Amino acid sequence: KAASAATAPLNRMGTPEDIAGAVAFFASEDASF
């Protein structure tokens, strides 16, 4: 677990909320093209 977190330059593991924000962008008209 610690090694996985250390692989990211942002120095942490992500959260489900991090992914949810990206999904919401794709789902919205902000990504219409």
PDB file of all heavy atoms in Angstrom:
ATOM      1  N   LYS A   1       0.833  -1.209   0.000  1.00  0.00           N
ATOM      2  CA  LYS A   1       0.000   0.000   0.000  1.00  0.00           C
ATOM      3  C   LYS A   1       0.868   1.260   0.000  1.00  0.00           C
ATOM      4  O   LYS A   1       0.641   2.198  -0.772  1.00  0.00           O
ATOM      5  CB  LYS A   1      -0.915  -0.033   1.219  1.00  0.00           C
ATOM      6  CG  LYS A   1      -2.001   1.001   1.249  1.00  0.00           C
ATOM      7  CD  LYS A   1      -2.910   0.714   2.449  1.00  0.00           C
ATOM      8  CE  LYS A   1      -4.024   1.707   2.562  1.00  0.00           C
ATOM      9  NZ  LYS A   1      -4.907   1.406   3.717  1.00  0.00           N
ATOM     10  N   ALA A   2       1.880   1.288   0.857  1.00  0.00           N
ATOM     11  CA  ALA A   2       2.769   2.445   0.942  1.00  0.00           C
ATOM     12  C   ALA A   2       3.551   2.634  -0.345  1.00  0.00           C
ATOM     13  O   ALA A   2       3.738   3.764  -0.820  1.00  0.00           O
ATOM     14  CB  ALA A   2       3.720   2.288   2.125  1.00  0.00           C
ATOM     15  N   ALA A   3       3.998   1.524  -0.941  1.00  0.00           N
ATOM     16  CA  ALA A   3       4.761   1.609  -2.180  1.00  0.00           C
ATOM     17  C   ALA A   3       3.897   2.149  -3.311  1.00  0.00           C
ATOM     18  O   ALA A   3       4.361   2.919  -4.166  1.00  0.00           O
ATOM     19  CB  ALA A   3       5.316   0.236  -2.542  1.00  0.00           C
ATOM     20  N   SER A   4       2.635   1.760  -3.326  1.00  0.00           N
ATOM     21  CA  SER A   4       1.724   2.237  -4.361  1.00  0.00           C
ATOM     22  C   SER A   4       1.520   3.743  -4.255  1.00  0.00           C
ATOM     23  O   SER A   4       1.546   4.462  -5.262  1.00  0.00           O
ATOM     24  CB  SER A   4       0.379   1.511  -4.253  1.00  0.00           C
ATOM     25  OG  SER A   4       0.547   0.132  -4.474  1.00  0.00           O
ATOM     26  N   ALA A   5       1.305   4.230  -3.048  1.00  0.00           N
ATOM     27  CA  ALA A   5       1.131   5.670  -2.850  1.00  0.00           C
ATOM     28  C   ALA A   5       2.376   6.436  -3.278  1.00  0.00           C
ATOM     29  O   ALA A   5       2.282   7.524  -3.867  1.00  0.00           O
ATOM     30  CB  ALA A   5       0.796   5.959  -1.391  1.00  0.00           C
ATOM     31  N   ALA A   6       3.534   5.863  -3.020  1.00  0.00           N
ATOM     32  CA  ALA A   6       4.793   6.551  -3.312  1.00  0.00           C
ATOM     33  C   ALA A   6       5.089   6.628  -4.804  1.00  0.00           C
ATOM     34  O   ALA A   6       5.932   7.423  -5.228  1.00  0.00           O
ATOM     35  CB  ALA A   6       5.942   5.854  -2.597  1.00  0.00           C
ATOM     36  N   THR A   7       4.410   5.821  -5.626  1.00  0.00           N
ATOM     37  CA  THR A   7       4.678   5.873  -7.064  1.00  0.00           C
ATOM     38  C   THR A   7       4.147   7.149  -7.709  1.00  0.00           C
ATOM     39  O   THR A   7       4.595   7.529  -8.788  1.00  0.00           O
ATOM     40  CB  THR A   7       4.041   4.666  -7.781  1.00  0.00           C
ATOM     41  OG1 THR A   7       2.618   4.696  -7.602  1.00  0.00           O
ATOM     42  CG2 THR A   7       4.608   3.355  -7.280  1.00  0.00           C
ATOM     43  N   ALA A   8       3.186   7.814  -7.085  1.00  0.00           N
ATOM     44  CA  ALA A   8       2.571   8.997  -7.685  1.00  0.00           C
ATOM     45  C   ALA A   8       3.382  10.244  -7.357  1.00  0.00           C
ATOM     46  O   ALA A   8       3.697  10.495  -6.188  1.00  0.00           O
ATOM     47  CB  ALA A   8       1.147   9.167  -7.173  1.00  0.00           C
ATOM     48  N   PRO A   9       3.730  11.052  -8.356  1.00  0.00           N
ATOM     49  CA  PRO A   9       4.388  12.324  -8.059  1.00  0.00           C
ATOM     50  C   PRO A   9       3.598  13.197  -7.093  1.00  0.00           C
ATOM     51  O   PRO A   9       4.188  13.976  -6.340  1.00  0.00           O
ATOM     52  CB  PRO A   9       4.493  12.979  -9.442  1.00  0.00           C
ATOM     53  CG  PRO A   9       4.599  11.825 -10.378  1.00  0.00           C
ATOM     54  CD  PRO A   9       3.678  10.781  -9.806  1.00  0.00           C
ATOM     55  N   LEU A  10       2.264  13.063  -7.070  1.00  0.00           N
ATOM     56  CA  LEU A  10       1.458  13.805  -6.096  1.00  0.00           C
ATOM     57  C   LEU A  10       1.520  13.185  -4.707  1.00  0.00           C
ATOM     58  O   LEU A  10       0.926  13.702  -3.757  1.00  0.00           O
ATOM     59  CB  LEU A  10       0.011  13.908  -6.565  1.00  0.00           C
ATOM     60  CG  LEU A  10      -0.215  14.761  -7.822  1.00  0.00           C
ATOM     61  CD1 LEU A  10      -1.703  14.863  -8.147  1.00  0.00           C
ATOM     62  CD2 LEU A  10       0.379  16.157  -7.667  1.00  0.00           C
ATOM     63  N   ASN A  11       2.218  12.047  -4.598  1.00  0.00           N
ATOM     64  CA  ASN A  11       2.580  11.438  -3.311  1.00  0.00           C
ATOM     65  C   ASN A  11       1.376  11.010  -2.470  1.00  0.00           C
ATOM     66  O   ASN A  11       1.391  11.132  -1.244  1.00  0.00           O
ATOM     67  CB  ASN A  11       3.474  12.388  -2.501  1.00  0.00           C
ATOM     68  CG  ASN A  11       4.269  11.645  -1.439  1.00  0.00           C
ATOM     69  OD1 ASN A  11       4.699  10.507  -1.661  1.00  0.00           O
ATOM     70  ND2 ASN A  11       4.451  12.266  -0.280  1.00  0.00           N
ATOM     71  N   ARG A  12       0.364  10.498  -3.134  1.00  0.00           N
ATOM     72  CA  ARG A  12      -0.765   9.926  -2.410  1.00  0.00           C
ATOM     73  C   ARG A  12      -1.524   9.013  -3.357  1.00  0.00           C
ATOM     74  O   ARG A  12      -1.351   9.078  -4.576  1.00  0.00           O
ATOM     75  CB  ARG A  12      -1.711  11.000  -1.870  1.00  0.00           C
ATOM     76  CG  ARG A  12      -2.485  11.790  -2.954  1.00  0.00           C
ATOM     77  CD  ARG A  12      -3.520  12.687  -2.314  1.00  0.00           C
ATOM     78  NE  ARG A  12      -4.231  13.530  -3.271  1.00  0.00           N
ATOM     79  CZ  ARG A  12      -5.358  13.173  -3.903  1.00  0.00           C
ATOM     80  NH1 ARG A  12      -5.880  11.971  -3.707  1.00  0.00           N
ATOM     81  NH2 ARG A  12      -5.950  14.014  -4.741  1.00  0.00           N
ATOM     82  N   MET A  13      -2.373   8.169  -2.780  1.00  0.00           N
ATOM     83  CA  MET A  13      -3.323   7.439  -3.593  1.00  0.00           C
ATOM     84  C   MET A  13      -4.547   8.308  -3.825  1.00  0.00           C
ATOM     85  O   MET A  13      -4.840   9.230  -3.041  1.00  0.00           O
ATOM     86  CB  MET A  13      -3.706   6.120  -2.934  1.00  0.00           C
ATOM     87  CG  MET A  13      -2.688   5.026  -3.196  1.00  0.00           C
ATOM     88  SD  MET A  13      -3.263   3.381  -2.742  1.00  0.00           S
ATOM     89  CE  MET A  13      -2.999   3.446  -0.983  1.00  0.00           C
ATOM     90  N   GLY A  14      -5.260   8.019  -4.879  1.00  0.00           N
ATOM     91  CA  GLY A  14      -6.455   8.777  -5.172  1.00  0.00           C
ATOM     92  C   GLY A  14      -7.639   8.290  -4.361  1.00  0.00           C
ATOM     93  O   GLY A  14      -7.586   7.271  -3.661  1.00  0.00           O
ATOM     94  N   THR A  15      -8.732   9.033  -4.477  1.00  0.00           N
ATOM     95  CA  THR A  15      -9.979   8.691  -3.810  1.00  0.00           C
ATOM     96  C   THR A  15     -11.068   8.488  -4.858  1.00  0.00           C
ATOM     97  O   THR A  15     -10.942   8.958  -5.996  1.00  0.00           O
ATOM     98  CB  THR A  15     -10.420   9.818  -2.862  1.00  0.00           C
ATOM     99  OG1 THR A  15     -10.772  10.981  -3.657  1.00  0.00           O
ATOM    100  CG2 THR A  15      -9.307  10.176  -1.887  1.00  0.00           C
ATOM    101  N   PRO A  16     -12.155   7.811  -4.506  1.00  0.00           N
ATOM    102  CA  PRO A  16     -13.268   7.699  -5.446  1.00  0.00           C
ATOM    103  C   PRO A  16     -13.771   9.055  -5.919  1.00  0.00           C
ATOM    104  O   PRO A  16     -14.206   9.199  -7.071  1.00  0.00           O
ATOM    105  CB  PRO A  16     -14.327   6.958  -4.627  1.00  0.00           C
ATOM    106  CG  PRO A  16     -13.534   6.105  -3.689  1.00  0.00           C
ATOM    107  CD  PRO A  16     -12.364   6.975  -3.305  1.00  0.00           C
ATOM    108  N   GLU A  17     -13.676  10.064  -5.073  1.00  0.00           N
ATOM    109  CA  GLU A  17     -14.130  11.402  -5.459  1.00  0.00           C
ATOM    110  C   GLU A  17     -13.265  11.991  -6.569  1.00  0.00           C
ATOM    111  O   GLU A  17     -13.755  12.750  -7.420  1.00  0.00           O
ATOM    112  CB  GLU A  17     -14.128  12.321  -4.236  1.00  0.00           C
ATOM    113  CG  GLU A  17     -15.195  11.999  -3.194  1.00  0.00           C
ATOM    114  CD  GLU A  17     -14.908  10.729  -2.399  1.00  0.00           C
ATOM    115  OE1 GLU A  17     -13.715  10.347  -2.282  1.00  0.00           O
ATOM    116  OE2 GLU A  17     -15.873  10.115  -1.901  1.00  0.00           O
ATOM    117  N   ASP A  18     -11.970  11.653  -6.571  1.00  0.00           N
ATOM    118  CA  ASP A  18     -11.092  12.111  -7.651  1.00  0.00           C
ATOM    119  C   ASP A  18     -11.576  11.580  -9.000  1.00  0.00           C
ATOM    120  O   ASP A  18     -11.558  12.293 -10.016  1.00  0.00           O
ATOM    121  CB  ASP A  18      -9.653  11.632  -7.415  1.00  0.00           C
ATOM    122  CG  ASP A  18      -8.989  12.313  -6.237  1.00  0.00           C
ATOM    123  OD1 ASP A  18      -9.203  13.519  -6.046  1.00  0.00           O
ATOM    124  OD2 ASP A  18      -8.249  11.627  -5.508  1.00  0.00           O
ATOM    125  N   ILE A  19     -12.000  10.326  -9.015  1.00  0.00           N
ATOM    126  CA  ILE A  19     -12.480   9.727 -10.258  1.00  0.00           C
ATOM    127  C   ILE A  19     -13.857  10.261 -10.619  1.00  0.00           C
ATOM    128  O   ILE A  19     -14.159  10.529 -11.797  1.00  0.00           O
ATOM    129  CB  ILE A  19     -12.526   8.192 -10.127  1.00  0.00           C
ATOM    130  CG1 ILE A  19     -11.154   7.653  -9.702  1.00  0.00           C
ATOM    131  CG2 ILE A  19     -12.964   7.557 -11.443  1.00  0.00           C
ATOM    132  CD1 ILE A  19     -10.008   8.098 -10.579  1.00  0.00           C
ATOM    133  N   ALA A  20     -14.691  10.467  -9.615  1.00  0.00           N
ATOM    134  CA  ALA A  20     -16.049  10.947  -9.858  1.00  0.00           C
ATOM    135  C   ALA A  20     -16.051  12.300 -10.561  1.00  0.00           C
ATOM    136  O   ALA A  20     -16.895  12.559 -11.432  1.00  0.00           O
ATOM    137  CB  ALA A  20     -16.810  11.034  -8.536  1.00  0.00           C
ATOM    138  N   GLY A  21     -15.112  13.151 -10.211  1.00  0.00           N
ATOM    139  CA  GLY A  21     -15.042  14.448 -10.871  1.00  0.00           C
ATOM    140  C   GLY A  21     -14.752  14.333 -12.362  1.00  0.00           C
ATOM    141  O   GLY A  21     -15.323  15.061 -13.182  1.00  0.00           O
ATOM    142  N   ALA A  22     -13.855  13.400 -12.713  1.00  0.00           N
ATOM    143  CA  ALA A  22     -13.539  13.188 -14.123  1.00  0.00           C
ATOM    144  C   ALA A  22     -14.727  12.600 -14.871  1.00  0.00           C
ATOM    145  O   ALA A  22     -15.020  12.983 -16.015  1.00  0.00           O
ATOM    146  CB  ALA A  22     -12.326  12.265 -14.241  1.00  0.00           C
ATOM    147  N   VAL A  23     -15.435  11.671 -14.233  1.00  0.00           N
ATOM    148  CA  VAL A  23     -16.625  11.089 -14.857  1.00  0.00           C
ATOM    149  C   VAL A  23     -17.675  12.162 -15.093  1.00  0.00           C
ATOM    150  O   VAL A  23     -18.293  12.229 -16.167  1.00  0.00           O
ATOM    151  CB  VAL A  23     -17.206   9.957 -13.984  1.00  0.00           C
ATOM    152  CG1 VAL A  23     -18.533   9.467 -14.561  1.00  0.00           C
ATOM    153  CG2 VAL A  23     -16.221   8.794 -13.880  1.00  0.00           C
ATOM    154  N   ALA A  24     -17.898  13.005 -14.102  1.00  0.00           N
ATOM    155  CA  ALA A  24     -18.907  14.059 -14.242  1.00  0.00           C
ATOM    156  C   ALA A  24     -18.572  14.996 -15.393  1.00  0.00           C
ATOM    157  O   ALA A  24     -19.473  15.464 -16.109  1.00  0.00           O
ATOM    158  CB  ALA A  24     -19.035  14.830 -12.932  1.00  0.00           C
ATOM    159  N   PHE A  25     -17.294  15.283 -15.583  1.00  0.00           N
ATOM    160  CA  PHE A  25     -16.900  16.107 -16.734  1.00  0.00           C
ATOM    161  C   PHE A  25     -17.289  15.437 -18.039  1.00  0.00           C
ATOM    162  O   PHE A  25     -17.933  16.041 -18.908  1.00  0.00           O
ATOM    163  CB  PHE A  25     -15.397  16.375 -16.703  1.00  0.00           C
ATOM    164  CG  PHE A  25     -14.851  16.876 -18.021  1.00  0.00           C
ATOM    165  CD1 PHE A  25     -15.159  18.142 -18.475  1.00  0.00           C
ATOM    166  CD2 PHE A  25     -14.054  16.060 -18.816  1.00  0.00           C
ATOM    167  CE1 PHE A  25     -14.683  18.606 -19.701  1.00  0.00           C
ATOM    168  CE2 PHE A  25     -13.564  16.504 -20.034  1.00  0.00           C
ATOM    169  CZ  PHE A  25     -13.888  17.786 -20.478  1.00  0.00           C
ATOM    170  N   PHE A  26     -16.914  14.175 -18.219  1.00  0.00           N
ATOM    171  CA  PHE A  26     -17.241  13.465 -19.450  1.00  0.00           C
ATOM    172  C   PHE A  26     -18.759  13.381 -19.662  1.00  0.00           C
ATOM    173  O   PHE A  26     -19.241  13.390 -20.799  1.00  0.00           O
ATOM    174  CB  PHE A  26     -16.663  12.049 -19.421  1.00  0.00           C
ATOM    175  CG  PHE A  26     -15.232  11.951 -19.867  1.00  0.00           C
ATOM    176  CD1 PHE A  26     -14.368  11.049 -19.265  1.00  0.00           C
ATOM    177  CD2 PHE A  26     -14.737  12.721 -20.903  1.00  0.00           C
ATOM    178  CE1 PHE A  26     -13.045  10.919 -19.680  1.00  0.00           C
ATOM    179  CE2 PHE A  26     -13.421  12.610 -21.329  1.00  0.00           C
ATOM    180  CZ  PHE A  26     -12.568  11.705 -20.718  1.00  0.00           C
ATOM    181  N   ALA A  27     -19.509  13.269 -18.561  1.00  0.00           N
ATOM    182  CA  ALA A  27     -20.958  13.120 -18.663  1.00  0.00           C
ATOM    183  C   ALA A  27     -21.665  14.425 -18.983  1.00  0.00           C
ATOM    184  O   ALA A  27     -22.821  14.422 -19.419  1.00  0.00           O
ATOM    185  CB  ALA A  27     -21.508  12.552 -17.354  1.00  0.00           C
ATOM    186  N   SER A  28     -20.998  15.546 -18.792  1.00  0.00           N
ATOM    187  CA  SER A  28     -21.623  16.854 -18.937  1.00  0.00           C
ATOM    188  C   SER A  28     -21.421  17.423 -20.333  1.00  0.00           C
ATOM    189  O   SER A  28     -20.579  16.963 -21.114  1.00  0.00           O
ATOM    190  CB  SER A  28     -21.038  17.820 -17.905  1.00  0.00           C
ATOM    191  OG  SER A  28     -19.743  18.255 -18.293  1.00  0.00           O
ATOM    192  N   GLU A  29     -22.152  18.486 -20.618  1.00  0.00           N
ATOM    193  CA  GLU A  29     -22.012  19.157 -21.908  1.00  0.00           C
ATOM    194  C   GLU A  29     -20.712  19.944 -22.003  1.00  0.00           C
ATOM    195  O   GLU A  29     -20.367  20.416 -23.094  1.00  0.00           O
ATOM    196  CB  GLU A  29     -23.224  20.047 -22.169  1.00  0.00           C
ATOM    197  CG  GLU A  29     -24.499  19.236 -22.380  1.00  0.00           C
ATOM    198  CD  GLU A  29     -25.679  20.061 -22.846  1.00  0.00           C
ATOM    199  OE1 GLU A  29     -25.482  21.252 -23.172  1.00  0.00           O
ATOM    200  OE2 GLU A  29     -26.796  19.523 -22.881  1.00  0.00           O
ATOM    201  N   ASP A  30     -19.984  20.068 -20.901  1.00  0.00           N
ATOM    202  CA  ASP A  30     -18.643  20.644 -20.979  1.00  0.00           C
ATOM    203  C   ASP A  30     -17.737  19.800 -21.872  1.00  0.00           C
ATOM    204  O   ASP A  30     -16.743  20.297 -22.395  1.00  0.00           O
ATOM    205  CB  ASP A  30     -18.016  20.736 -19.586  1.00  0.00           C
ATOM    206  CG  ASP A  30     -18.645  21.822 -18.724  1.00  0.00           C
ATOM    207  OD1 ASP A  30     -19.327  22.702 -19.281  1.00  0.00           O
ATOM    208  OD2 ASP A  30     -18.453  21.779 -17.497  1.00  0.00           O
ATOM    209  N   ALA A  31     -18.092  18.513 -22.021  1.00  0.00           N
ATOM    210  CA  ALA A  31     -17.305  17.597 -22.858  1.00  0.00           C
ATOM    211  C   ALA A  31     -18.063  17.244 -24.141  1.00  0.00           C
ATOM    212  O   ALA A  31     -17.871  16.163 -24.695  1.00  0.00           O
ATOM    213  CB  ALA A  31     -16.987  16.325 -22.076  1.00  0.00           C
ATOM    214  N   SER A  32     -18.887  18.151 -24.630  1.00  0.00           N
ATOM    215  CA  SER A  32     -19.759  17.826 -25.764  1.00  0.00           C
ATOM    216  C   SER A  32     -18.993  17.521 -27.049  1.00  0.00           C
ATOM    217  O   SER A  32     -19.545  16.906 -27.971  1.00  0.00           O
ATOM    218  CB  SER A  32     -20.747  18.970 -26.020  1.00  0.00           C
ATOM    219  OG  SER A  32     -20.051  20.163 -26.372  1.00  0.00           O
ATOM    220  N   PHE A  33     -17.727  17.934 -27.145  1.00  0.00           N
ATOM    221  CA  PHE A  33     -16.914  17.646 -28.337  1.00  0.00           C
ATOM    222  C   PHE A  33     -15.823  16.627 -28.024  1.00  0.00           C
ATOM    223  O   PHE A  33     -14.813  16.539 -28.712  1.00  0.00           O
ATOM    224  CB  PHE A  33     -16.299  18.949 -28.882  1.00  0.00           C
ATOM    225  CG  PHE A  33     -15.790  18.831 -30.299  1.00  0.00           C
ATOM    226  CD1 PHE A  33     -16.608  18.394 -31.334  1.00  0.00           C
ATOM    227  CD2 PHE A  33     -14.477  19.175 -30.601  1.00  0.00           C
ATOM    228  CE1 PHE A  33     -16.126  18.298 -32.628  1.00  0.00           C
ATOM    229  CE2 PHE A  33     -13.986  19.070 -31.902  1.00  0.00           C
ATOM    230  CZ  PHE A  33     -14.816  18.627 -32.910  1.00  0.00           C
TER     231      PHE A  33
END
